[in-house]
Amino acid sequence: MHRFFTDPSFVRDGYIQLDKETLAHLHVLRVREAEVFVLCDGAGLDYHCVRDNDQAKILSMEKNAAEPGIYTSVYLAFTRGERMEWAIQKSVELGVHAIHLFPSARSVVKYDEKSLLKKQIRWQKIAEEAAKQSGRGKIPTLYIMQGYKAAIKEAATAELALFFNEHEQGRKVSQTLGQNLQEKAIALVIGPEGGFTEDEIQAARESGLTSVTLGRRILRCETAPVAALSALLYAAGEI
């Protein structure tokens, strides 16, 4: 069944106003007037609808069942184009609620304000498409942090803030997650190609983040968020 997102303000009196983009998609997909499709309001509600000219007639409504019961924010250091896009896409598929991107000392790419704005628009679109494809009820918001210190300061406000450090020897992520993760706010901080510098690791510890390892293998920067989120979802009983 085809799925689309809509603005909650478009929902009224048993109908949903269809925007130009959704109308175009319906046309391309050749969705007939009697064919049922789903419009999600981005706040966790799914509406089963049929098309009625430039509107959608609501047949039924239900709470989206795909959203996880844990609130996870992923903090990703800037990395090369395709790797960043892949990490964003897979993080959304795995249920992340927010993605915070930040520059790190070993980030290979550097963005000026103009190019970063263009990238942010593209990354947000990738997040939207991944949310649509995976049946999510919400589109994760993508934030650009002003610097590394701002990122770890924000991450430290979570109930559980994990700093993934390839040099960590004593604490595995499986030993840190514990029980009763449902409805907790959790932050996962992941570095760029080459990992974090010693100064960055020290700053993270001083900010209150818990340094953990994903194992003895060194993962690519785009693989680490997938592994971290998968471990978290398993521990929370979501997988």
Protein backbone atom coordinates (compact mmCIF):
# COMPACT_ATOMS: atom_id res chain seq x y z
CA MET A 1 0.00 0.00 0.00
CA HIS A 2 1.37 3.39 -0.98
CA ARG A 3 2.33 5.76 1.87
CA PHE A 4 2.74 9.52 1.93
CA PHE A 5 3.28 12.18 4.58
CA THR A 6 1.00 15.17 5.01
CA ASP A 7 0.84 18.26 7.20
CA PRO A 8 -1.51 17.81 10.20
CA SER A 9 -3.15 21.13 9.33
CA PHE A 10 -4.42 19.59 6.08
CA VAL A 11 -6.62 17.15 8.04
CA ARG A 12 -10.17 18.39 8.63
CA ASP A 13 -13.80 17.28 8.44
CA GLY A 14 -13.09 13.77 7.25
CA TYR A 15 -10.83 14.88 4.39
CA ILE A 16 -7.15 15.65 3.83
CA GLN A 17 -6.07 18.28 1.34
CA LEU A 18 -3.47 16.84 -1.03
CA ASP A 19 -0.42 18.96 -1.80
CA LYS A 20 1.05 19.23 -5.30
CA GLU A 21 3.89 16.77 -4.60
CA THR A 22 1.54 14.06 -3.32
CA LEU A 23 -0.86 14.62 -6.23
CA ALA A 24 2.05 14.22 -8.63
CA HIS A 25 3.15 11.00 -6.92
CA LEU A 26 -0.37 9.60 -7.06
CA HIS A 27 -0.47 10.38 -10.76
CA VAL A 28 2.92 8.76 -11.44
CA LEU A 29 1.92 5.67 -9.43
CA ARG A 30 -1.41 5.55 -11.24
CA VAL A 31 -3.37 5.35 -8.03
CA ARG A 32 -7.06 5.07 -8.97
CA GLU A 33 -9.83 6.91 -7.10
CA ALA A 34 -11.07 3.68 -5.48
CA GLU A 35 -7.58 2.55 -4.46
CA VAL A 36 -6.73 2.85 -0.76
CA PHE A 37 -3.48 4.55 0.28
CA VAL A 38 -2.09 5.85 3.57
CA LEU A 39 -1.42 9.43 4.58
CA CYS A 40 0.61 9.90 7.75
CA ASP A 41 0.44 13.21 9.58
CA GLY A 42 4.06 13.01 10.78
CA ALA A 43 2.91 12.96 14.39
CA GLY A 44 2.24 9.22 14.58
CA LEU A 45 -1.24 8.88 13.06
CA ASP A 46 -1.98 6.94 9.86
CA TYR A 47 -5.06 7.74 7.75
CA HIS A 48 -6.37 5.17 5.28
CA CYS A 49 -7.81 7.15 2.39
CA VAL A 50 -9.15 7.13 -1.14
CA ARG A 51 -8.70 9.99 -3.56
CA ASP A 52 -11.50 12.47 -4.13
CA ASN A 53 -10.27 14.93 -6.75
CA ASP A 54 -7.55 17.02 -5.05
CA GLN A 55 -8.48 15.71 -1.61
CA ALA A 56 -8.25 12.39 0.20
CA LYS A 57 -11.36 11.01 1.86
CA ILE A 58 -10.54 9.43 5.24
CA LEU A 59 -11.82 5.86 5.61
CA SER A 60 -10.16 5.04 8.92
CA MET A 61 -7.46 6.26 11.30
CA GLU A 62 -5.01 4.39 13.51
CA LYS A 63 -1.85 4.98 15.51
CA ASN A 64 1.29 4.17 13.56
CA ALA A 65 2.74 0.86 14.77
CA ALA A 66 6.28 1.28 13.44
CA GLU A 67 7.60 3.89 15.88
CA PRO A 68 9.92 2.44 18.57
CA GLY A 69 9.23 2.96 22.25
CA ILE A 70 12.61 4.56 22.87
CA TYR A 71 13.61 8.10 21.88
CA THR A 72 17.01 7.92 20.22
CA SER A 73 19.13 10.79 18.92
CA VAL A 74 22.15 9.97 16.79
CA TYR A 75 25.05 12.42 16.69
CA LEU A 76 27.15 11.91 13.55
CA ALA A 77 30.40 13.63 12.68
CA PHE A 78 30.59 15.01 9.13
CA THR A 79 31.83 12.40 6.68
CA ARG A 80 32.04 11.98 2.92
CA GLY A 81 28.88 12.39 0.82
CA GLU A 82 27.66 8.86 0.15
CA ARG A 83 28.71 7.62 3.57
CA MET A 84 26.79 10.38 5.30
CA GLU A 85 23.71 9.78 3.18
CA TRP A 86 23.84 6.04 3.82
CA ALA A 87 24.21 6.55 7.59
CA ILE A 88 21.24 8.94 7.66
CA GLN A 89 19.06 6.64 5.59
CA LYS A 90 19.74 3.52 7.66
CA SER A 91 19.45 5.36 10.97
CA VAL A 92 15.96 6.52 9.98
CA GLU A 93 14.98 3.02 8.87
CA LEU A 94 16.04 1.73 12.30
CA GLY A 95 13.82 4.22 14.12
CA VAL A 96 16.01 7.16 15.14
CA HIS A 97 14.00 10.21 16.24
CA ALA A 98 16.57 12.95 15.58
CA ILE A 99 19.92 13.23 13.81
CA HIS A 100 22.50 15.81 14.86
CA LEU A 101 25.42 16.40 12.47
CA PHE A 102 28.62 18.11 13.58
CA PRO A 103 32.19 18.86 12.45
CA SER A 104 34.97 16.87 14.09
CA ALA A 105 38.74 17.26 14.06
CA ARG A 106 39.19 14.31 11.69
CA SER A 107 36.21 15.04 9.46
CA VAL A 108 37.51 14.82 5.90
CA VAL A 109 34.92 17.21 4.46
CA LYS A 110 34.53 20.87 5.35
CA TYR A 111 31.42 22.88 4.50
CA ASP A 112 30.87 26.58 4.12
CA GLU A 113 27.49 28.00 5.13
CA LYS A 114 26.03 27.96 1.61
CA SER A 115 27.03 24.39 0.73
CA LEU A 116 25.97 23.13 4.15
CA LEU A 117 22.48 24.58 3.68
CA LYS A 118 22.13 22.71 0.38
CA LYS A 119 23.38 19.52 2.00
CA GLN A 120 20.97 19.90 4.92
CA ILE A 121 18.01 20.14 2.52
CA ARG A 122 19.18 17.02 0.68
CA TRP A 123 19.83 15.08 3.91
CA GLN A 124 16.39 15.98 5.27
CA LYS A 125 14.83 14.72 2.05
CA ILE A 126 16.74 11.45 2.38
CA ALA A 127 15.39 11.13 5.93
CA GLU A 128 11.84 11.75 4.69
CA GLU A 129 12.12 9.14 1.93
CA ALA A 130 13.59 6.59 4.35
CA ALA A 131 10.77 7.24 6.83
CA LYS A 132 8.21 6.75 4.07
CA GLN A 133 9.84 3.55 2.79
CA SER A 134 10.13 1.97 6.25
CA GLY A 135 6.56 2.75 7.30
CA ARG A 136 7.52 5.26 9.97
CA GLY A 137 4.92 7.50 11.57
CA LYS A 138 7.31 10.42 12.02
CA ILE A 139 10.00 12.07 9.94
CA PRO A 140 13.16 12.48 12.04
CA THR A 141 14.43 16.05 12.22
CA LEU A 142 17.97 16.71 11.07
CA TYR A 143 19.99 19.33 12.96
CA ILE A 144 23.35 20.94 12.16
CA MET A 145 25.45 21.59 15.25
CA GLN A 146 27.84 24.55 15.34
CA GLY A 147 30.78 22.50 16.56
CA TYR A 148 31.96 19.41 18.41
CA LYS A 149 31.60 20.95 21.88
CA ALA A 150 28.02 21.99 21.15
CA ALA A 151 27.23 18.45 19.99
CA ILE A 152 28.53 16.65 23.07
CA LYS A 153 26.97 19.24 25.39
CA GLU A 154 23.58 18.59 23.78
CA ALA A 155 24.10 14.81 23.79
CA ALA A 156 24.95 14.85 27.50
CA THR A 157 21.42 16.06 28.35
CA ALA A 158 19.98 12.63 27.40
CA GLU A 159 19.11 10.11 30.09
CA LEU A 160 21.67 7.76 28.58
CA ALA A 161 24.48 9.27 26.49
CA LEU A 162 26.87 6.83 24.81
CA PHE A 163 30.12 7.88 23.15
CA PHE A 164 31.37 5.25 20.71
CA ASN A 165 35.12 5.07 21.01
CA GLU A 166 37.19 2.55 19.06
CA HIS A 167 39.95 2.81 21.67
CA GLU A 168 37.68 1.91 24.57
CA GLN A 169 38.86 -1.32 26.23
CA GLY A 170 36.77 -1.76 29.35
CA ARG A 171 33.13 -1.13 28.53
CA LYS A 172 31.10 -2.85 25.82
CA VAL A 173 27.81 -1.38 24.69
CA SER A 174 26.05 -4.59 25.82
CA GLN A 175 27.27 -3.96 29.38
CA THR A 176 25.93 -0.41 29.38
CA LEU A 177 22.39 -0.55 28.04
CA GLY A 178 20.86 -2.40 30.98
CA GLN A 179 17.11 -2.87 31.35
CA ASN A 180 13.97 -0.70 31.18
CA LEU A 181 14.98 1.31 28.12
CA GLN A 182 11.42 1.98 26.99
CA GLU A 183 10.48 5.67 26.82
CA LYS A 184 14.04 6.71 27.66
CA ALA A 185 15.88 9.48 25.81
CA ILE A 186 19.14 8.03 24.50
CA ALA A 187 22.00 9.73 22.64
CA LEU A 188 24.54 7.90 20.48
CA VAL A 189 27.67 9.87 19.48
CA ILE A 190 29.65 8.52 16.52
CA GLY A 191 32.82 9.84 14.94
CA PRO A 192 34.17 10.37 11.40
CA GLU A 193 36.70 8.46 9.31
CA GLY A 194 39.71 8.01 11.55
CA GLY A 195 37.67 8.28 14.75
CA PHE A 196 37.92 10.87 17.49
CA THR A 197 41.13 12.53 18.67
CA GLU A 198 42.39 12.11 22.22
CA ASP A 199 41.31 15.66 23.04
CA GLU A 200 37.79 14.92 21.77
CA ILE A 201 37.62 11.70 23.78
CA GLN A 202 38.69 13.52 26.92
CA ALA A 203 36.17 16.32 26.32
CA ALA A 204 33.38 13.77 25.91
CA ARG A 205 34.24 12.08 29.19
CA GLU A 206 34.40 15.43 30.98
CA SER A 207 30.93 16.25 29.58
CA GLY A 208 29.50 13.13 31.20
CA LEU A 209 29.24 10.87 28.15
CA THR A 210 29.84 7.17 28.68
CA SER A 211 32.64 5.80 26.49
CA VAL A 212 31.74 2.40 24.98
CA THR A 213 32.97 0.03 22.28
CA LEU A 214 31.08 -1.93 19.63
CA GLY A 215 33.67 -4.71 19.76
CA ARG A 216 37.21 -5.49 18.66
CA ARG A 217 36.59 -4.73 15.00
CA ILE A 218 36.95 -1.21 13.64
CA LEU A 219 33.74 -0.27 11.86
CA ARG A 220 33.30 2.27 9.10
CA CYS A 221 31.69 5.51 10.21
CA GLU A 222 28.52 4.67 8.26
CA THR A 223 28.34 1.15 9.73
CA ALA A 224 28.70 2.22 13.37
CA PRO A 225 25.25 3.89 13.73
CA VAL A 226 23.57 0.82 12.23
CA ALA A 227 25.35 -1.48 14.68
CA ALA A 228 24.70 0.84 17.64
CA LEU A 229 21.00 1.29 16.88
CA SER A 230 20.53 -2.43 16.27
CA ALA A 231 22.09 -3.27 19.63
CA LEU A 232 19.91 -0.66 21.31
CA LEU A 233 16.69 -1.90 19.69
CA TYR A 234 17.53 -5.49 20.65
CA ALA A 235 18.18 -4.53 24.27
CA ALA A 236 14.89 -2.61 24.35
CA GLY A 237 12.94 -5.57 23.01
CA GLU A 238 12.17 -3.82 19.72
CA ILE A 239 13.80 -6.52 17.60
